[in-house]
Amino acid sequence: MSSSPTTIPIRAVLLDIEGTTTPIAFVHETLFPYARSEVRSYLEKHFESVETREDLARLREEHESDISENLNPPALAVGSRDAEIDFTVAYVHWLIDRDRKSTALKSLQGKIWRQGDLEGTLRAPLFADVAPALELWYRKGLRIGIFSSGSSLAQKLLFAHTEAGDVTRFIDNYFDTTIGLKTEVESYRRIAAALSLPAGEVLFISDIVGELDAANATGMQTLLSVRPGNTVQPGQGHKNIQSFDEIPGLEDVSKTRL
């Protein structure tokens, strides 16, 4: 398997977030605990909003699936507003404890993080090389996309409120689990189609080999991000980088930018 950047021109860079652009510790030690502690407050303030009700409906559907699979989730409460909030808080905590890649959970978490961003209580750290690289790639005309299990809303909020400032002006696309799981080959085919590019012209950078394998199966070029705090991964044919500064020179394609 040849997965390092080749002579095929790269026209888009697709990035994972945690362990690639942002320390894993920020997600697990700041974002997840924040969502956990603020879910009740958020629901009490926004319980009647249309977008919150949509999230709650999706969570109940997932809860039904958990029951059918005998996973013993928290008992469903019906009736009063307070009872539904109590159930939702308990179920959200249960999902977080299991690191469930739940689209409904990620959607609700994204809204809680949005509240924290607007209140100025959340600022995402980026590795020092990330913001300069995003700007350089953007100026070269490369398409820049993000693919994370966190909702597209959460992704936009993170990059809009970083310690390096708002870098969303450099980012063209945000992909989440609505397009598919990060370890599924079909997800990367859909992303290439959404970018209107051959898969071989997309470079995907992640800290997880399973995700890189799936991307590479479509023909995407890949790099394994090895950052402080990351779990050690077997390279398995993916070139390792410790900084975006180590990426082989990417061509200026600004004249052909889509």
C-alpha atoms as a PDB file:
ATOM      1  CA  MET A   1       0.000   0.000   0.000  1.00  0.00           C
ATOM      2  CA  SER A   2       1.477   3.337  -1.040  1.00  0.00           C
ATOM      3  CA  SER A   3      -0.151   6.116   0.953  1.00  0.00           C
ATOM      4  CA  SER A   4       2.406   8.922   1.206  1.00  0.00           C
ATOM      5  CA  PRO A   5       1.838  11.980  -1.026  1.00  0.00           C
ATOM      6  CA  THR A   6       2.781  11.123  -4.618  1.00  0.00           C
ATOM      7  CA  THR A   7       3.356  12.989  -7.836  1.00  0.00           C
ATOM      8  CA  ILE A   8      -0.417  13.247  -8.310  1.00  0.00           C
ATOM      9  CA  PRO A   9      -1.264  16.914  -7.633  1.00  0.00           C
ATOM     10  CA  ILE A  10      -3.035  17.413  -4.319  1.00  0.00           C
ATOM     11  CA  ARG A  11      -5.985  19.772  -4.635  1.00  0.00           C
ATOM     12  CA  ALA A  12      -7.603  19.236  -1.233  1.00  0.00           C
ATOM     13  CA  VAL A  13      -6.405  18.553   2.299  1.00  0.00           C
ATOM     14  CA  LEU A  14      -8.824  16.709   4.597  1.00  0.00           C
ATOM     15  CA  LEU A  15      -8.042  16.925   8.319  1.00  0.00           C
ATOM     16  CA  ASP A  16      -9.046  15.034  11.415  1.00  0.00           C
ATOM     17  CA  ILE A  17      -9.280  17.250  14.527  1.00  0.00           C
ATOM     18  CA  GLU A  18      -8.206  15.664  17.813  1.00  0.00           C
ATOM     19  CA  GLY A  19      -4.635  14.482  17.654  1.00  0.00           C
ATOM     20  CA  THR A  20      -4.144  16.207  14.285  1.00  0.00           C
ATOM     21  CA  THR A  21      -4.976  19.893  14.627  1.00  0.00           C
ATOM     22  CA  THR A  22      -5.846  19.981  18.322  1.00  0.00           C
ATOM     23  CA  PRO A  23      -4.430  18.120  21.329  1.00  0.00           C
ATOM     24  CA  ILE A  24      -6.484  15.089  22.312  1.00  0.00           C
ATOM     25  CA  ALA A  25      -6.472  16.391  25.881  1.00  0.00           C
ATOM     26  CA  PHE A  26      -8.606  19.404  24.914  1.00  0.00           C
ATOM     27  CA  VAL A  27     -11.423  17.215  23.638  1.00  0.00           C
ATOM     28  CA  HIS A  28     -11.365  14.690  26.469  1.00  0.00           C
ATOM     29  CA  GLU A  29     -10.395  16.981  29.342  1.00  0.00           C
ATOM     30  CA  THR A  30     -12.254  20.169  28.359  1.00  0.00           C
ATOM     31  CA  LEU A  31     -14.995  19.701  25.751  1.00  0.00           C
ATOM     32  CA  PHE A  32     -16.502  16.410  26.927  1.00  0.00           C
ATOM     33  CA  PRO A  33     -16.552  17.381  30.639  1.00  0.00           C
ATOM     34  CA  TYR A  34     -18.030  20.780  29.722  1.00  0.00           C
ATOM     35  CA  ALA A  35     -20.873  19.205  27.760  1.00  0.00           C
ATOM     36  CA  ARG A  36     -21.464  16.738  30.578  1.00  0.00           C
ATOM     37  CA  SER A  37     -21.664  19.419  33.253  1.00  0.00           C
ATOM     38  CA  GLU A  38     -23.759  21.847  31.187  1.00  0.00           C
ATOM     39  CA  VAL A  39     -26.316  19.533  29.589  1.00  0.00           C
ATOM     40  CA  ARG A  40     -28.954  20.067  32.289  1.00  0.00           C
ATOM     41  CA  SER A  41     -28.555  23.850  32.248  1.00  0.00           C
ATOM     42  CA  TYR A  42     -28.757  23.886  28.457  1.00  0.00           C
ATOM     43  CA  LEU A  43     -31.886  21.746  28.347  1.00  0.00           C
ATOM     44  CA  GLU A  44     -33.622  23.867  30.977  1.00  0.00           C
ATOM     45  CA  LYS A  45     -32.959  26.984  28.880  1.00  0.00           C
ATOM     46  CA  HIS A  46     -33.684  25.549  25.437  1.00  0.00           C
ATOM     47  CA  PHE A  47     -36.033  22.620  26.065  1.00  0.00           C
ATOM     48  CA  GLU A  48     -38.817  24.010  23.856  1.00  0.00           C
ATOM     49  CA  SER A  49     -36.649  25.031  20.885  1.00  0.00           C
ATOM     50  CA  VAL A  50     -37.229  23.180  17.625  1.00  0.00           C
ATOM     51  CA  GLU A  51     -33.583  22.135  17.265  1.00  0.00           C
ATOM     52  CA  THR A  52     -33.452  20.792  20.829  1.00  0.00           C
ATOM     53  CA  ARG A  53     -36.675  18.849  20.361  1.00  0.00           C
ATOM     54  CA  GLU A  54     -35.198  17.294  17.207  1.00  0.00           C
ATOM     55  CA  ASP A  55     -32.120  16.174  19.147  1.00  0.00           C
ATOM     56  CA  LEU A  56     -34.298  14.724  21.912  1.00  0.00           C
ATOM     57  CA  ALA A  57     -36.367  12.777  19.392  1.00  0.00           C
ATOM     58  CA  ARG A  58     -33.216  11.275  17.855  1.00  0.00           C
ATOM     59  CA  LEU A  59     -31.884  10.400  21.312  1.00  0.00           C
ATOM     60  CA  ARG A  60     -35.110   8.540  22.124  1.00  0.00           C
ATOM     61  CA  GLU A  61     -34.786   6.570  18.870  1.00  0.00           C
ATOM     62  CA  GLU A  62     -31.245   5.605  19.812  1.00  0.00           C
ATOM     63  CA  HIS A  63     -32.431   4.691  23.314  1.00  0.00           C
ATOM     64  CA  GLU A  64     -35.006   2.309  21.822  1.00  0.00           C
ATOM     65  CA  SER A  65     -32.236   0.649  19.818  1.00  0.00           C
ATOM     66  CA  ASP A  66     -30.106   0.277  22.956  1.00  0.00           C
ATOM     67  CA  ILE A  67     -33.005  -1.405  24.745  1.00  0.00           C
ATOM     68  CA  SER A  68     -33.607  -3.788  21.849  1.00  0.00           C
ATOM     69  CA  GLU A  69     -29.909  -4.748  21.982  1.00  0.00           C
ATOM     70  CA  ASN A  70     -30.103  -5.343  25.765  1.00  0.00           C
ATOM     71  CA  LEU A  71     -27.482  -2.677  26.536  1.00  0.00           C
ATOM     72  CA  ASN A  72     -29.295  -1.551  29.721  1.00  0.00           C
ATOM     73  CA  PRO A  73     -29.405   2.212  29.146  1.00  0.00           C
ATOM     74  CA  PRO A  74     -31.021   4.487  31.770  1.00  0.00           C
ATOM     75  CA  ALA A  75     -34.775   3.968  32.054  1.00  0.00           C
ATOM     76  CA  LEU A  76     -36.934   6.141  29.834  1.00  0.00           C
ATOM     77  CA  ALA A  77     -38.992   8.737  31.702  1.00  0.00           C
ATOM     78  CA  VAL A  78     -42.139  10.187  30.159  1.00  0.00           C
ATOM     79  CA  GLY A  79     -44.639  12.741  31.264  1.00  0.00           C
ATOM     80  CA  SER A  80     -43.408  15.960  32.783  1.00  0.00           C
ATOM     81  CA  ARG A  81     -40.779  18.314  31.395  1.00  0.00           C
ATOM     82  CA  ASP A  82     -38.550  17.735  34.428  1.00  0.00           C
ATOM     83  CA  ALA A  83     -38.798  13.962  34.027  1.00  0.00           C
ATOM     84  CA  GLU A  84     -37.756  14.163  30.371  1.00  0.00           C
ATOM     85  CA  ILE A  85     -34.828  16.414  31.258  1.00  0.00           C
ATOM     86  CA  ASP A  86     -33.745  14.015  34.020  1.00  0.00           C
ATOM     87  CA  PHE A  87     -33.856  11.101  31.580  1.00  0.00           C
ATOM     88  CA  THR A  88     -31.978  12.999  28.870  1.00  0.00           C
ATOM     89  CA  VAL A  89     -29.210  14.062  31.261  1.00  0.00           C
ATOM     90  CA  ALA A  90     -28.803  10.482  32.501  1.00  0.00           C
ATOM     91  CA  TYR A  91     -28.792   9.071  28.966  1.00  0.00           C
ATOM     92  CA  VAL A  92     -26.343  11.687  27.648  1.00  0.00           C
ATOM     93  CA  HIS A  93     -23.978  10.886  30.537  1.00  0.00           C
ATOM     94  CA  TRP A  94     -24.349   7.180  29.734  1.00  0.00           C
ATOM     95  CA  LEU A  95     -23.475   7.778  26.073  1.00  0.00           C
ATOM     96  CA  ILE A  96     -20.493   9.986  26.959  1.00  0.00           C
ATOM     97  CA  ASP A  97     -19.166   7.342  29.351  1.00  0.00           C
ATOM     98  CA  ARG A  98     -19.151   4.903  26.441  1.00  0.00           C
ATOM     99  CA  ASP A  99     -17.619   7.395  23.990  1.00  0.00           C
ATOM    100  CA  ARG A 100     -20.546   6.616  21.700  1.00  0.00           C
ATOM    101  CA  LYS A 101     -20.194   8.087  18.201  1.00  0.00           C
ATOM    102  CA  SER A 102     -23.832   9.105  18.303  1.00  0.00           C
ATOM    103  CA  THR A 103     -25.035  11.659  15.762  1.00  0.00           C
ATOM    104  CA  ALA A 104     -27.782  12.813  18.151  1.00  0.00           C
ATOM    105  CA  LEU A 105     -25.341  13.163  21.040  1.00  0.00           C
ATOM    106  CA  LYS A 106     -22.812  15.026  18.894  1.00  0.00           C
ATOM    107  CA  SER A 107     -25.542  17.387  17.694  1.00  0.00           C
ATOM    108  CA  LEU A 108     -26.607  18.231  21.251  1.00  0.00           C
ATOM    109  CA  GLN A 109     -22.998  18.563  22.408  1.00  0.00           C
ATOM    110  CA  GLY A 110     -22.352  20.964  19.549  1.00  0.00           C
ATOM    111  CA  LYS A 111     -25.139  23.243  20.719  1.00  0.00           C
ATOM    112  CA  ILE A 112     -23.846  23.153  24.300  1.00  0.00           C
ATOM    113  CA  TRP A 113     -20.361  24.052  23.060  1.00  0.00           C
ATOM    114  CA  ARG A 114     -21.848  26.856  20.953  1.00  0.00           C
ATOM    115  CA  GLN A 115     -23.272  28.326  24.127  1.00  0.00           C
ATOM    116  CA  GLY A 116     -19.847  28.088  25.769  1.00  0.00           C
ATOM    117  CA  ASP A 117     -18.171  29.710  22.761  1.00  0.00           C
ATOM    118  CA  LEU A 118     -20.654  32.578  22.719  1.00  0.00           C
ATOM    119  CA  GLU A 119     -20.137  33.097  26.439  1.00  0.00           C
ATOM    120  CA  GLY A 120     -16.368  33.128  25.905  1.00  0.00           C
ATOM    121  CA  THR A 121     -15.717  30.182  28.220  1.00  0.00           C
ATOM    122  CA  LEU A 122     -14.285  27.874  25.531  1.00  0.00           C
ATOM    123  CA  ARG A 123     -11.190  28.503  23.400  1.00  0.00           C
ATOM    124  CA  ALA A 124      -9.610  25.657  21.444  1.00  0.00           C
ATOM    125  CA  PRO A 125      -5.836  25.229  21.412  1.00  0.00           C
ATOM    126  CA  LEU A 126      -4.259  24.452  18.031  1.00  0.00           C
ATOM    127  CA  PHE A 127      -0.827  22.984  17.513  1.00  0.00           C
ATOM    128  CA  ALA A 128       1.514  25.862  16.651  1.00  0.00           C
ATOM    129  CA  ASP A 129       1.984  24.800  13.018  1.00  0.00           C
ATOM    130  CA  VAL A 130      -1.722  24.461  12.212  1.00  0.00           C
ATOM    131  CA  ALA A 131      -2.935  28.036  11.650  1.00  0.00           C
ATOM    132  CA  PRO A 132       0.070  29.013   9.464  1.00  0.00           C
ATOM    133  CA  ALA A 133      -0.370  25.837   7.402  1.00  0.00           C
ATOM    134  CA  LEU A 134      -4.088  26.464   6.883  1.00  0.00           C
ATOM    135  CA  GLU A 135      -3.357  29.969   5.622  1.00  0.00           C
ATOM    136  CA  LEU A 136      -0.541  28.773   3.342  1.00  0.00           C
ATOM    137  CA  TRP A 137      -2.640  25.993   1.828  1.00  0.00           C
ATOM    138  CA  TYR A 138      -5.560  28.348   1.343  1.00  0.00           C
ATOM    139  CA  ARG A 139      -3.343  30.862  -0.459  1.00  0.00           C
ATOM    140  CA  LYS A 140      -2.078  28.058  -2.688  1.00  0.00           C
ATOM    141  CA  GLY A 141      -5.664  27.383  -3.703  1.00  0.00           C
ATOM    142  CA  LEU A 142      -6.049  24.054  -1.935  1.00  0.00           C
ATOM    143  CA  ARG A 143      -9.487  23.027  -0.713  1.00  0.00           C
ATOM    144  CA  ILE A 144      -9.395  22.461   3.051  1.00  0.00           C
ATOM    145  CA  GLY A 145     -11.902  20.163   4.719  1.00  0.00           C
ATOM    146  CA  ILE A 146     -12.469  18.779   8.196  1.00  0.00           C
ATOM    147  CA  PHE A 147     -13.748  15.264   8.948  1.00  0.00           C
ATOM    148  CA  SER A 148     -14.601  14.555  12.562  1.00  0.00           C
ATOM    149  CA  SER A 149     -17.075  12.480  14.544  1.00  0.00           C
ATOM    150  CA  GLY A 150     -18.123  15.751  16.189  1.00  0.00           C
ATOM    151  CA  SER A 151     -20.989  17.548  14.458  1.00  0.00           C
ATOM    152  CA  SER A 152     -20.228  20.031  11.685  1.00  0.00           C
ATOM    153  CA  LEU A 153     -21.597  22.740  13.996  1.00  0.00           C
ATOM    154  CA  ALA A 154     -19.117  21.761  16.715  1.00  0.00           C
ATOM    155  CA  GLN A 155     -16.293  21.752  14.166  1.00  0.00           C
ATOM    156  CA  LYS A 156     -17.124  25.255  12.939  1.00  0.00           C
ATOM    157  CA  LEU A 157     -17.351  26.547  16.490  1.00  0.00           C
ATOM    158  CA  LEU A 158     -14.005  25.030  17.432  1.00  0.00           C
ATOM    159  CA  PHE A 159     -12.164  26.628  14.514  1.00  0.00           C
ATOM    160  CA  ALA A 160     -13.993  29.939  14.972  1.00  0.00           C
ATOM    161  CA  HIS A 161     -12.903  30.180  18.623  1.00  0.00           C
ATOM    162  CA  THR A 162      -9.279  29.064  18.839  1.00  0.00           C
ATOM    163  CA  GLU A 163      -6.386  30.484  20.797  1.00  0.00           C
ATOM    164  CA  ALA A 164      -4.989  31.526  17.391  1.00  0.00           C
ATOM    165  CA  GLY A 165      -8.218  33.329  16.489  1.00  0.00           C
ATOM    166  CA  ASP A 166     -10.901  32.523  13.920  1.00  0.00           C
ATOM    167  CA  VAL A 167      -9.433  30.309  11.195  1.00  0.00           C
ATOM    168  CA  THR A 168     -12.720  29.322   9.546  1.00  0.00           C
ATOM    169  CA  ARG A 169     -11.971  31.662   6.630  1.00  0.00           C
ATOM    170  CA  PHE A 170      -9.443  29.069   5.429  1.00  0.00           C
ATOM    171  CA  ILE A 171     -11.771  26.058   5.689  1.00  0.00           C
ATOM    172  CA  ASP A 172     -14.145  25.130   2.873  1.00  0.00           C
ATOM    173  CA  ASN A 173     -15.946  22.015   4.094  1.00  0.00           C
ATOM    174  CA  TYR A 174     -16.951  20.280   7.319  1.00  0.00           C
ATOM    175  CA  PHE A 175     -17.891  16.590   7.289  1.00  0.00           C
ATOM    176  CA  ASP A 176     -19.319  14.636  10.231  1.00  0.00           C
ATOM    177  CA  THR A 177     -20.915  11.243  10.846  1.00  0.00           C
ATOM    178  CA  THR A 178     -23.933  12.170   8.724  1.00  0.00           C
ATOM    179  CA  ILE A 179     -21.695  11.309   5.756  1.00  0.00           C
ATOM    180  CA  GLY A 180     -20.592   8.031   7.369  1.00  0.00           C
ATOM    181  CA  LEU A 181     -18.254   6.616   9.973  1.00  0.00           C
ATOM    182  CA  LYS A 182     -14.591   7.564   9.799  1.00  0.00           C
ATOM    183  CA  THR A 183     -13.475   3.947   9.423  1.00  0.00           C
ATOM    184  CA  GLU A 184     -15.827   3.220   6.501  1.00  0.00           C
ATOM    185  CA  VAL A 185     -14.449   3.366   2.971  1.00  0.00           C
ATOM    186  CA  GLU A 186     -17.735   4.682   1.578  1.00  0.00           C
ATOM    187  CA  SER A 187     -17.455   7.814   3.753  1.00  0.00           C
ATOM    188  CA  TYR A 188     -14.334   8.889   1.870  1.00  0.00           C
ATOM    189  CA  ARG A 189     -15.911   8.167  -1.506  1.00  0.00           C
ATOM    190  CA  ARG A 190     -18.767  10.461  -0.521  1.00  0.00           C
ATOM    191  CA  ILE A 191     -16.337  13.150   0.630  1.00  0.00           C
ATOM    192  CA  ALA A 192     -14.397  13.023  -2.650  1.00  0.00           C
ATOM    193  CA  ALA A 193     -17.688  13.308  -4.528  1.00  0.00           C
ATOM    194  CA  ALA A 194     -18.741  16.268  -2.357  1.00  0.00           C
ATOM    195  CA  LEU A 195     -15.412  17.944  -3.169  1.00  0.00           C
ATOM    196  CA  SER A 196     -15.910  17.169  -6.893  1.00  0.00           C
ATOM    197  CA  LEU A 197     -12.395  15.727  -6.983  1.00  0.00           C
ATOM    198  CA  PRO A 198     -10.835  12.363  -7.786  1.00  0.00           C
ATOM    199  CA  ALA A 199      -9.959  10.666  -4.486  1.00  0.00           C
ATOM    200  CA  GLY A 200      -6.288  10.584  -5.489  1.00  0.00           C
ATOM    201  CA  GLU A 201      -6.153  14.380  -5.407  1.00  0.00           C
ATOM    202  CA  VAL A 202      -7.191  14.478  -1.731  1.00  0.00           C
ATOM    203  CA  LEU A 203      -4.689  14.216   1.132  1.00  0.00           C
ATOM    204  CA  PHE A 204      -6.167  12.955   4.425  1.00  0.00           C
ATOM    205  CA  ILE A 205      -4.274  13.463   7.688  1.00  0.00           C
ATOM    206  CA  SER A 206      -5.333  11.647  10.869  1.00  0.00           C
ATOM    207  CA  ASP A 207      -3.862  10.094  13.993  1.00  0.00           C
ATOM    208  CA  ILE A 208      -5.841   6.854  13.554  1.00  0.00           C
ATOM    209  CA  VAL A 209      -4.547   4.150  11.194  1.00  0.00           C
ATOM    210  CA  GLY A 210      -8.002   2.617  10.705  1.00  0.00           C
ATOM    211  CA  GLU A 211      -9.285   5.900   9.295  1.00  0.00           C
ATOM    212  CA  LEU A 212      -6.259   6.289   7.025  1.00  0.00           C
ATOM    213  CA  ASP A 213      -6.711   2.734   5.758  1.00  0.00           C
ATOM    214  CA  ALA A 214     -10.328   3.468   4.820  1.00  0.00           C
ATOM    215  CA  ALA A 215      -9.358   6.697   3.038  1.00  0.00           C
ATOM    216  CA  ASN A 216      -6.451   5.036   1.249  1.00  0.00           C
ATOM    217  CA  ALA A 217      -8.761   2.283  -0.021  1.00  0.00           C
ATOM    218  CA  THR A 218     -10.488   4.944  -2.138  1.00  0.00           C
ATOM    219  CA  GLY A 219      -7.170   6.177  -3.525  1.00  0.00           C
ATOM    220  CA  MET A 220      -6.766   9.139  -1.197  1.00  0.00           C
ATOM    221  CA  GLN A 221      -3.227  10.035  -0.175  1.00  0.00           C
ATOM    222  CA  THR A 222      -2.628   9.783   3.577  1.00  0.00           C
ATOM    223  CA  LEU A 223      -0.332  10.873   6.402  1.00  0.00           C
ATOM    224  CA  LEU A 224      -0.304   9.649  10.002  1.00  0.00           C
ATOM    225  CA  SER A 225      -0.261  12.492  12.543  1.00  0.00           C
ATOM    226  CA  VAL A 226       2.079  11.752  15.455  1.00  0.00           C
ATOM    227  CA  ARG A 227       1.481  14.463  18.053  1.00  0.00           C
ATOM    228  CA  PRO A 228       2.281  14.741  21.772  1.00  0.00           C
ATOM    229  CA  GLY A 229      -0.333  12.792  23.735  1.00  0.00           C
ATOM    230  CA  ASN A 230      -1.477  10.667  20.806  1.00  0.00           C
ATOM    231  CA  THR A 231      -1.910   6.920  21.150  1.00  0.00           C
ATOM    232  CA  VAL A 232       0.964   5.089  19.471  1.00  0.00           C
ATOM    233  CA  GLN A 233      -0.218   3.696  16.124  1.00  0.00           C
ATOM    234  CA  PRO A 234       1.463   1.172  13.841  1.00  0.00           C
ATOM    235  CA  GLY A 235       2.367   3.005  10.634  1.00  0.00           C
ATOM    236  CA  GLN A 236       1.270   0.207   8.300  1.00  0.00           C
ATOM    237  CA  GLY A 237       2.363   2.025   5.145  1.00  0.00           C
ATOM    238  CA  HIS A 238       1.326   5.549   6.164  1.00  0.00           C
ATOM    239  CA  LYS A 239       4.145   8.091   6.378  1.00  0.00           C
ATOM    240  CA  ASN A 240       4.384   9.693   9.843  1.00  0.00           C
ATOM    241  CA  ILE A 241       4.543  13.435  10.423  1.00  0.00           C
ATOM    242  CA  GLN A 242       4.902  15.306  13.707  1.00  0.00           C
ATOM    243  CA  SER A 243       4.046  18.702  12.229  1.00  0.00           C
ATOM    244  CA  PHE A 244       2.338  20.052   9.125  1.00  0.00           C
ATOM    245  CA  ASP A 245       5.706  21.684   8.371  1.00  0.00           C
ATOM    246  CA  GLU A 246       6.965  18.201   7.453  1.00  0.00           C
ATOM    247  CA  ILE A 247       4.443  17.705   4.656  1.00  0.00           C
ATOM    248  CA  PRO A 248       6.166  17.587   1.250  1.00  0.00           C
ATOM    249  CA  GLY A 249       5.692  20.823  -0.674  1.00  0.00           C
ATOM    250  CA  LEU A 250       2.159  21.090  -2.004  1.00  0.00           C
ATOM    251  CA  GLU A 251       1.732  22.706  -5.393  1.00  0.00           C
ATOM    252  CA  ASP A 252       0.099  26.078  -5.899  1.00  0.00           C
ATOM    253  CA  VAL A 253      -3.213  25.274  -7.586  1.00  0.00           C
ATOM    254  CA  SER A 254      -4.805  28.678  -7.004  1.00  0.00           C
ATOM    255  CA  LYS A 255      -5.394  29.200 -10.735  1.00  0.00           C
ATOM    256  CA  THR A 256      -7.517  26.051 -10.845  1.00  0.00           C
ATOM    257  CA  ARG A 257      -9.233  26.435  -7.460  1.00  0.00           C
ATOM    258  CA  LEU A 258     -12.848  25.220  -7.734  1.00  0.00           C
END
